[in-house]
Protein backbone atom coordinates (compact mmCIF):
# COMPACT_ATOMS: atom_id res chain seq x y z
CA LEU A 1 -7.41 1.71 -15.18
CA GLU A 2 -11.07 1.13 -14.43
CA THR A 3 -12.98 1.06 -11.16
CA VAL A 4 -16.47 -0.39 -11.07
CA ARG A 5 -19.03 -0.94 -8.34
CA GLY A 6 -18.38 -4.40 -6.98
CA GLU A 7 -20.83 -7.26 -6.93
CA GLY A 8 -21.28 -8.82 -3.51
CA GLU A 9 -19.84 -7.76 -0.19
CA ARG A 10 -17.43 -4.93 0.50
CA LEU A 11 -13.74 -5.85 0.76
CA ILE A 12 -12.91 -5.09 4.39
CA GLY A 13 -10.02 -5.96 6.68
CA ASN A 14 -6.38 -5.63 7.52
CA CYS A 15 -4.17 -5.88 4.47
CA ALA A 16 -0.47 -6.22 3.73
CA ILE A 17 1.26 -5.83 0.39
CA GLU A 18 4.81 -6.07 -0.86
CA ALA A 19 5.93 -3.01 -2.82
CA ASP A 20 9.21 -1.83 -4.32
CA LEU A 21 9.59 1.93 -4.67
CA GLY A 22 13.17 1.70 -5.88
CA THR A 23 14.85 0.60 -2.64
CA GLY A 24 13.98 -3.10 -2.64
CA PRO A 25 10.78 -4.89 -1.63
CA ARG A 26 9.12 -3.72 1.58
CA VAL A 27 5.82 -4.45 3.31
CA ILE A 28 3.05 -1.85 3.43
CA ALA A 29 0.39 -2.61 6.05
CA GLY A 30 -2.98 -0.93 6.33
CA PHE A 31 -6.73 -1.39 6.42
CA GLU A 32 -9.05 -1.62 3.43
CA ASN A 33 -12.79 -1.00 3.25
CA HIS A 34 -14.12 -0.61 -0.28
CA GLY A 35 -16.97 -1.67 -2.51
CA GLY A 36 -15.23 -0.75 -5.74
CA ARG A 37 -13.22 -3.16 -7.84
CA THR A 38 -10.24 -1.65 -9.65
CA PHE A 39 -8.69 -3.26 -12.73
CA LEU A 40 -5.38 -1.80 -13.85
CA GLY A 41 -5.31 -2.68 -17.53
CA ALA A 42 -2.39 -2.65 -19.93
CA GLY A 43 0.56 -0.48 -18.99
CA ALA A 44 -0.61 0.31 -15.46
CA GLU A 45 1.83 -0.58 -12.67
CA PRO A 46 0.43 -1.84 -9.36
CA LEU A 47 1.71 -0.29 -6.15
CA GLY A 48 2.29 -3.80 -4.85
CA ARG A 49 1.29 -7.44 -4.61
CA VAL A 50 -1.14 -8.61 -1.95
CA ILE A 51 0.32 -10.74 0.84
CA ARG A 52 -2.87 -10.67 2.96
CA GLY A 53 -6.21 -9.06 2.24
CA HIS A 54 -8.15 -8.31 -0.92
CA GLY A 55 -6.37 -5.54 -2.82
CA ASN A 56 -7.71 -3.81 -5.91
CA ASN A 57 -10.43 -6.29 -6.77
CA GLY A 58 -10.07 -9.41 -4.63
CA ASP A 59 -8.94 -11.54 -7.58
CA ASP A 60 -5.72 -10.52 -9.34
CA GLY A 61 -3.41 -10.05 -6.33
CA THR A 62 -2.64 -6.39 -7.01
CA GLU A 63 -3.12 -3.40 -4.73
CA GLY A 64 -3.01 0.24 -5.71
CA VAL A 65 -1.43 1.85 -8.71
CA ARG A 66 1.77 3.77 -9.27
CA ARG A 67 2.75 6.22 -11.97
CA ARG A 68 6.10 7.94 -11.61
CA ASN A 69 6.09 9.49 -8.11
CA VAL A 70 2.33 9.25 -7.52
CA ILE A 71 0.56 6.35 -5.81
CA GLY A 72 -3.08 5.47 -5.33
CA THR A 73 -4.27 2.81 -2.90
CA TYR A 74 -7.28 1.46 -1.05
CA LEU A 75 -5.12 1.15 2.08
CA HIS A 76 -5.66 3.54 4.96
CA GLY A 77 -5.87 3.32 8.71
CA PRO A 78 -3.60 5.63 8.98
CA LEU A 79 -1.31 4.54 6.16
CA LEU A 80 1.72 6.84 6.45
CA PRO A 81 2.24 6.76 10.25
CA LYS A 82 2.05 2.96 10.16
CA ASN A 83 4.52 2.79 7.27
CA VAL A 84 7.05 5.52 7.99
CA TRP A 85 9.44 4.15 5.37
CA LEU A 86 6.74 4.82 2.76
CA ALA A 87 6.27 8.41 3.97
CA ASP A 88 10.03 8.95 3.86
CA ARG A 89 10.30 7.42 0.39
CA LEU A 90 7.49 9.56 -1.04
CA ILE A 91 9.24 12.67 0.31
CA GLU A 92 12.53 11.52 -1.23
CA LEU A 93 10.87 10.96 -4.61
CA ALA A 94 9.04 14.30 -4.51
CA LEU A 95 12.15 16.28 -3.58
CA GLY A 96 14.66 14.23 -5.54
CA VAL A 97 16.93 13.82 -2.50
CA GLU A 98 17.95 11.01 -0.17
CA LEU A 99 16.91 11.64 3.42
CA GLY A 100 19.29 11.09 6.31
CA PRO A 101 18.50 8.52 8.99
CA LEU A 102 15.97 9.36 11.70
CA ASP A 103 15.01 7.66 14.95
CA ASP A 104 11.96 5.75 13.74
CA ALA A 105 11.62 3.43 16.76
CA MET A 106 8.04 4.46 17.58
CA GLU A 107 7.01 4.41 13.94
CA ASP A 108 8.64 1.01 13.42
CA ALA A 109 6.64 -0.30 16.41
CA ALA A 110 3.42 0.99 14.79
CA HIS A 111 4.43 -0.73 11.54
CA ALA A 112 5.11 -4.01 13.37
CA SER A 113 1.69 -3.77 15.04
CA ALA A 114 -0.02 -3.14 11.69
CA ARG A 115 1.79 -6.12 10.17
CA ARG A 116 0.70 -8.36 13.06
CA ALA A 117 -2.89 -7.18 12.60
CA ALA A 118 -2.63 -8.15 8.92
CA GLY A 119 -1.16 -11.53 9.84
CA VAL A 120 2.32 -11.04 8.38
């Protein structure tokens, strides 16, 4: 994994990626604003594949990195409230338990809004 200062303009805008954290592919929507360019290298697993936006470096179609139960990402805006399934999944992985269902109607509406903003 290597991050370098990027040549040219910052990578800014709404972004959507497809990620699988062990429960099937799901969309993560957020906002990115970064000047760095991250290259994962051999053996590094991306958090997901870019559907819309720039991702790690604007070229290879990856976003973020994942190692075991830890993720890193350029996405924010606020990431976890807009992707409640991701927050729930990170808690499940950290605790080693499966969470029961919750009423996520408001959170799902925020996720749908973030996806629309990203164009997916």
